[in-house]
C-alpha cells in the first residue's frame, strides 16, 4: 500500500470509531433518561466500564 492508502484507511477508522463512540453515548443517554440501564455494548462504546455503572441509581 502507498502511504496515501494507509492515511485514508486511518481516517476511515477514526471516523468509524468516533461514530461508534457517539452512538454509544446517545444510547446511554436515552436509557438513562428512560430510567433504564444502558446495554453493555453501549457502555463499552461510550468508554464506560459496564461494572462501574452498577452503582448508579436510576429513577
PDB file of N, CA and C in Angstrom:
ATOM      1  N   UNK A   1       0.832  -1.194   0.000  1.00  0.00           N
ATOM      2  CA  UNK A   1       0.000   0.000   0.000  1.00  0.00           C
ATOM      3  C   UNK A   1       0.867   1.243   0.000  1.00  0.00           C
ATOM      4  N   UNK A   2       0.331   2.238  -0.604  1.00  0.00           N
ATOM      5  CA  UNK A   2       1.047   3.506  -0.596  1.00  0.00           C
ATOM      6  C   UNK A   2       0.713   4.263   0.683  1.00  0.00           C
ATOM      7  N   UNK A   3       1.550   5.215   1.052  1.00  0.00           N
ATOM      8  CA  UNK A   3       1.264   5.989   2.274  1.00  0.00           C
ATOM      9  C   UNK A   3      -0.109   6.656   2.240  1.00  0.00           C
ATOM     10  N   UNK A   4      -0.563   7.059   1.064  1.00  0.00           N
ATOM     11  CA  UNK A   4      -1.874   7.703   0.967  1.00  0.00           C
ATOM     12  C   UNK A   4      -2.984   6.724   1.355  1.00  0.00           C
ATOM     13  N   UNK A   5      -2.896   5.475   0.918  1.00  0.00           N
ATOM     14  CA  UNK A   5      -3.910   4.487   1.267  1.00  0.00           C
ATOM     15  C   UNK A   5      -3.915   4.229   2.772  1.00  0.00           C
ATOM     16  N   UNK A   6      -2.749   4.168   3.381  1.00  0.00           N
ATOM     17  CA  UNK A   6      -2.685   3.977   4.830  1.00  0.00           C
ATOM     18  C   UNK A   6      -3.332   5.140   5.559  1.00  0.00           C
ATOM     19  N   UNK A   7      -3.082   6.342   5.095  1.00  0.00           N
ATOM     20  CA  UNK A   7      -3.659   7.518   5.731  1.00  0.00           C
ATOM     21  C   UNK A   7      -5.174   7.525   5.547  1.00  0.00           C
ATOM     22  N   UNK A   8      -5.649   7.167   4.371  1.00  0.00           N
ATOM     23  CA  UNK A   8      -7.086   7.122   4.107  1.00  0.00           C
ATOM     24  C   UNK A   8      -7.747   6.090   4.993  1.00  0.00           C
ATOM     25  N   UNK A   9      -7.130   4.931   5.116  1.00  0.00           N
ATOM     26  CA  UNK A   9      -7.690   3.886   5.970  1.00  0.00           C
ATOM     27  C   UNK A   9      -7.717   4.361   7.419  1.00  0.00           C
ATOM     28  N   UNK A  10      -6.687   5.028   7.843  1.00  0.00           N
ATOM     29  CA  UNK A  10      -6.625   5.523   9.212  1.00  0.00           C
ATOM     30  C   UNK A  10      -7.731   6.545   9.470  1.00  0.00           C
ATOM     31  N   UNK A  11      -7.973   7.413   8.515  1.00  0.00           N
ATOM     32  CA  UNK A  11      -9.034   8.407   8.675  1.00  0.00           C
ATOM     33  C   UNK A  11     -10.384   7.707   8.729  1.00  0.00           C
ATOM     34  N   UNK A  12     -10.588   6.714   7.894  1.00  0.00           N
ATOM     35  CA  UNK A  12     -11.836   5.958   7.912  1.00  0.00           C
ATOM     36  C   UNK A  12     -12.051   5.249   9.235  1.00  0.00           C
ATOM     37  N   UNK A  13     -10.992   4.683   9.781  1.00  0.00           N
ATOM     38  CA  UNK A  13     -11.095   4.011  11.071  1.00  0.00           C
ATOM     39  C   UNK A  13     -11.412   5.008  12.179  1.00  0.00           C
ATOM     40  N   UNK A  14     -10.817   6.182  12.104  1.00  0.00           N
ATOM     41  CA  UNK A  14     -11.077   7.210  13.116  1.00  0.00           C
ATOM     42  C   UNK A  14     -12.527   7.680  13.062  1.00  0.00           C
ATOM     43  N   UNK A  15     -13.036   7.874  11.865  1.00  0.00           N
ATOM     44  CA  UNK A  15     -14.428   8.308  11.719  1.00  0.00           C
ATOM     45  C   UNK A  15     -15.367   7.225  12.236  1.00  0.00           C
ATOM     46  N   UNK A  16     -15.093   5.978  11.914  1.00  0.00           N
ATOM     47  CA  UNK A  16     -15.923   4.865  12.389  1.00  0.00           C
ATOM     48  C   UNK A  16     -15.883   4.786  13.910  1.00  0.00           C
ATOM     49  N   UNK A  17     -14.710   4.955  14.485  1.00  0.00           N
ATOM     50  CA  UNK A  17     -14.561   4.908  15.935  1.00  0.00           C
ATOM     51  C   UNK A  17     -15.345   6.039  16.602  1.00  0.00           C
ATOM     52  N   UNK A  18     -15.255   7.236  16.048  1.00  0.00           N
ATOM     53  CA  UNK A  18     -15.992   8.370  16.609  1.00  0.00           C
ATOM     54  C   UNK A  18     -17.497   8.137  16.494  1.00  0.00           C
ATOM     55  N   UNK A  19     -17.937   7.587  15.368  1.00  0.00           N
ATOM     56  CA  UNK A  19     -19.357   7.308  15.172  1.00  0.00           C
ATOM     57  C   UNK A  19     -19.851   6.286  16.193  1.00  0.00           C
ATOM     58  N   UNK A  20     -19.073   5.234  16.423  1.00  0.00           N
ATOM     59  CA  UNK A  20     -19.449   4.222  17.413  1.00  0.00           C
ATOM     60  C   UNK A  20     -19.487   4.828  18.820  1.00  0.00           C
ATOM     61  N   UNK A  21     -18.525   5.684  19.127  1.00  0.00           N
ATOM     62  CA  UNK A  21     -18.476   6.313  20.447  1.00  0.00           C
ATOM     63  C   UNK A  21     -19.699   7.202  20.667  1.00  0.00           C
ATOM     64  N   UNK A  22     -20.000   8.061  19.694  1.00  0.00           N
ATOM     65  CA  UNK A  22     -21.162   8.951  19.841  1.00  0.00           C
ATOM     66  C   UNK A  22     -22.466   8.164  19.858  1.00  0.00           C
ATOM     67  N   UNK A  23     -22.530   7.067  19.112  1.00  0.00           N
ATOM     68  CA  UNK A  23     -23.715   6.212  19.151  1.00  0.00           C
ATOM     69  C   UNK A  23     -23.901   5.602  20.532  1.00  0.00           C
ATOM     70  N   UNK A  24     -22.803   5.167  21.135  1.00  0.00           N
ATOM     71  CA  UNK A  24     -22.859   4.621  22.489  1.00  0.00           C
ATOM     72  C   UNK A  24     -23.280   5.654  23.506  1.00  0.00           C
ATOM     73  N   UNK A  25     -22.761   6.855  23.348  1.00  0.00           N
ATOM     74  CA  UNK A  25     -23.124   7.945  24.257  1.00  0.00           C
ATOM     75  C   UNK A  25     -24.614   8.258  24.125  1.00  0.00           C
ATOM     76  N   UNK A  26     -25.120   8.310  22.900  1.00  0.00           N
ATOM     77  CA  UNK A  26     -26.537   8.601  22.681  1.00  0.00           C
ATOM     78  C   UNK A  26     -27.412   7.499  23.268  1.00  0.00           C
ATOM     79  N   UNK A  27     -27.003   6.244  23.094  1.00  0.00           N
ATOM     80  CA  UNK A  27     -27.772   5.123  23.641  1.00  0.00           C
ATOM     81  C   UNK A  27     -27.777   5.158  25.166  1.00  0.00           C
ATOM     82  N   UNK A  28     -26.645   5.489  25.757  1.00  0.00           N
ATOM     83  CA  UNK A  28     -26.565   5.591  27.215  1.00  0.00           C
ATOM     84  C   UNK A  28     -27.446   6.723  27.734  1.00  0.00           C
ATOM     85  N   UNK A  29     -27.416   7.850  27.052  1.00  0.00           N
ATOM     86  CA  UNK A  29     -28.227   8.992  27.473  1.00  0.00           C
ATOM     87  C   UNK A  29     -29.710   8.670  27.367  1.00  0.00           C
ATOM     88  N   UNK A  30     -30.109   8.026  26.279  1.00  0.00           N
ATOM     89  CA  UNK A  30     -31.522   7.678  26.096  1.00  0.00           C
ATOM     90  C   UNK A  30     -31.982   6.701  27.174  1.00  0.00           C
ATOM     91  N   UNK A  31     -31.151   5.719  27.479  1.00  0.00           N
ATOM     92  CA  UNK A  31     -31.515   4.738  28.506  1.00  0.00           C
ATOM     93  C   UNK A  31     -31.603   5.406  29.877  1.00  0.00           C
ATOM     94  N   UNK A  32     -30.655   6.271  30.182  1.00  0.00           N
ATOM     95  CA  UNK A  32     -30.665   6.942  31.485  1.00  0.00           C
ATOM     96  C   UNK A  32     -31.888   7.850  31.621  1.00  0.00           C
ATOM     97  N   UNK A  33     -32.247   8.545  30.548  1.00  0.00           N
ATOM     98  CA  UNK A  33     -33.427   9.403  30.598  1.00  0.00           C
ATOM     99  C   UNK A  33     -34.700   8.591  30.803  1.00  0.00           C
ATOM    100  N   UNK A  34     -34.709   7.359  30.276  1.00  0.00           N
ATOM    101  CA  UNK A  34     -35.878   6.489  30.428  1.00  0.00           C
ATOM    102  C   UNK A  34     -35.858   5.750  31.761  1.00  0.00           C
ATOM    103  N   UNK A  35     -34.809   5.957  32.552  1.00  0.00           N
ATOM    104  CA  UNK A  35     -34.699   5.301  33.848  1.00  0.00           C
ATOM    105  C   UNK A  35     -34.271   3.852  33.747  1.00  0.00           C
ATOM    106  N   UNK A  36     -33.611   3.510  32.653  1.00  0.00           N
ATOM    107  CA  UNK A  36     -33.163   2.131  32.433  1.00  0.00           C
ATOM    108  C   UNK A  36     -31.648   2.077  32.386  1.00  0.00           C
ATOM    109  N   UNK A  37     -31.130   0.877  32.544  1.00  0.00           N
ATOM    110  CA  UNK A  37     -29.690   0.668  32.471  1.00  0.00           C
ATOM    111  C   UNK A  37     -29.294   0.500  31.003  1.00  0.00           C
ATOM    112  N   UNK A  38     -28.282   1.215  30.531  1.00  0.00           N
ATOM    113  CA  UNK A  38     -27.822   1.048  29.145  1.00  0.00           C
ATOM    114  C   UNK A  38     -27.248  -0.352  28.927  1.00  0.00           C
ATOM    115  N   UNK A  39     -27.230  -0.778  27.691  1.00  0.00           N
ATOM    116  CA  UNK A  39     -26.662  -2.083  27.377  1.00  0.00           C
ATOM    117  C   UNK A  39     -25.156  -2.067  27.603  1.00  0.00           C
ATOM    118  N   UNK A  40     -24.592  -3.251  27.806  1.00  0.00           N
ATOM    119  CA  UNK A  40     -23.146  -3.353  27.996  1.00  0.00           C
ATOM    120  C   UNK A  40     -22.407  -2.835  26.766  1.00  0.00           C
ATOM    121  N   UNK A  41     -22.936  -3.125  25.588  1.00  0.00           N
ATOM    122  CA  UNK A  41     -22.291  -2.677  24.346  1.00  0.00           C
ATOM    123  C   UNK A  41     -22.273  -1.156  24.256  1.00  0.00           C
ATOM    124  N   UNK A  42     -23.381  -0.510  24.632  1.00  0.00           N
ATOM    125  CA  UNK A  42     -23.440   0.953  24.588  1.00  0.00           C
ATOM    126  C   UNK A  42     -22.469   1.560  25.591  1.00  0.00           C
ATOM    127  N   UNK A  43     -22.404   0.969  26.771  1.00  0.00           N
ATOM    128  CA  UNK A  43     -21.475   1.471  27.785  1.00  0.00           C
ATOM    129  C   UNK A  43     -20.032   1.337  27.314  1.00  0.00           C
ATOM    130  N   UNK A  44     -19.689   0.192  26.740  1.00  0.00           N
ATOM    131  CA  UNK A  44     -18.319  -0.005  26.250  1.00  0.00           C
ATOM    132  C   UNK A  44     -18.007   0.958  25.118  1.00  0.00           C
ATOM    133  N   UNK A  45     -18.965   1.171  24.207  1.00  0.00           N
ATOM    134  CA  UNK A  45     -18.747   2.091  23.086  1.00  0.00           C
ATOM    135  C   UNK A  45     -18.531   3.517  23.592  1.00  0.00           C
ATOM    136  N   UNK A  46     -19.188   3.863  24.700  1.00  0.00           N
ATOM    137  CA  UNK A  46     -19.045   5.202  25.274  1.00  0.00           C
ATOM    138  C   UNK A  46     -17.785   5.328  26.134  1.00  0.00           C
ATOM    139  N   UNK A  47     -17.082   4.219  26.323  1.00  0.00           N
ATOM    140  CA  UNK A  47     -15.856   4.258  27.113  1.00  0.00           C
ATOM    141  C   UNK A  47     -16.099   4.101  28.598  1.00  0.00           C
ATOM    142  N   UNK A  48     -17.250   3.548  28.958  1.00  0.00           N
ATOM    143  CA  UNK A  48     -17.601   3.344  30.368  1.00  0.00           C
ATOM    144  C   UNK A  48     -17.523   1.859  30.676  1.00  0.00           C
ATOM    145  N   UNK A  49     -16.830   1.518  31.719  1.00  0.00           N
ATOM    146  CA  UNK A  49     -16.752   0.116  32.131  1.00  0.00           C
ATOM    147  C   UNK A  49     -18.130  -0.307  32.640  1.00  0.00           C
ATOM    148  N   UNK A  50     -18.724  -1.346  32.050  1.00  0.00           N
ATOM    149  CA  UNK A  50     -20.079  -1.758  32.447  1.00  0.00           C
ATOM    150  C   UNK A  50     -20.227  -2.034  33.941  1.00  0.00           C
ATOM    151  N   UNK A  51     -19.217  -2.589  34.561  1.00  0.00           N
ATOM    152  CA  UNK A  51     -19.316  -2.885  36.009  1.00  0.00           C
ATOM    153  C   UNK A  51     -19.328  -1.598  36.830  1.00  0.00           C
ATOM    154  N   UNK A  52     -18.783  -0.517  36.314  1.00  0.00           N
ATOM    155  CA  UNK A  52     -18.775   0.748  37.036  1.00  0.00           C
ATOM    156  C   UNK A  52     -20.157   1.378  37.074  1.00  0.00           C
ATOM    157  N   UNK A  53     -21.031   0.973  36.157  1.00  0.00           N
ATOM    158  CA  UNK A  53     -22.372   1.535  36.101  1.00  0.00           C
ATOM    159  C   UNK A  53     -23.308   0.877  37.104  1.00  0.00           C
ATOM    160  N   UNK A  54     -22.882  -0.226  37.715  1.00  0.00           N
ATOM    161  CA  UNK A  54     -23.733  -0.934  38.656  1.00  0.00           C
ATOM    162  C   UNK A  54     -24.130  -0.090  39.860  1.00  0.00           C
ATOM    163  N   UNK A  55     -23.287   0.844  40.260  1.00  0.00           N
ATOM    164  CA  UNK A  55     -23.552   1.672  41.439  1.00  0.00           C
ATOM    165  C   UNK A  55     -24.420   2.894  41.155  1.00  0.00           C
ATOM    166  N   UNK A  56     -24.749   3.115  39.883  1.00  0.00           N
ATOM    167  CA  UNK A  56     -25.559   4.271  39.515  1.00  0.00           C
ATOM    168  C   UNK A  56     -27.019   3.977  39.842  1.00  0.00           C
ATOM    169  N   UNK A  57     -27.636   4.908  40.546  1.00  0.00           N
ATOM    170  CA  UNK A  57     -29.054   4.753  40.913  1.00  0.00           C
ATOM    171  C   UNK A  57     -29.902   5.488  39.894  1.00  0.00           C
ATOM    172  N   UNK A  58     -30.821   4.793  39.279  1.00  0.00           N
ATOM    173  CA  UNK A  58     -31.691   5.389  38.276  1.00  0.00           C
ATOM    174  C   UNK A  58     -33.076   5.627  38.862  1.00  0.00           C
ATOM    175  N   UNK A  59     -33.715   6.662  38.387  1.00  0.00           N
ATOM    176  CA  UNK A  59     -35.094   6.904  38.784  1.00  0.00           C
ATOM    177  C   UNK A  59     -35.185   7.847  39.845  1.00  0.00           C
TER     178      UNK A  59
END
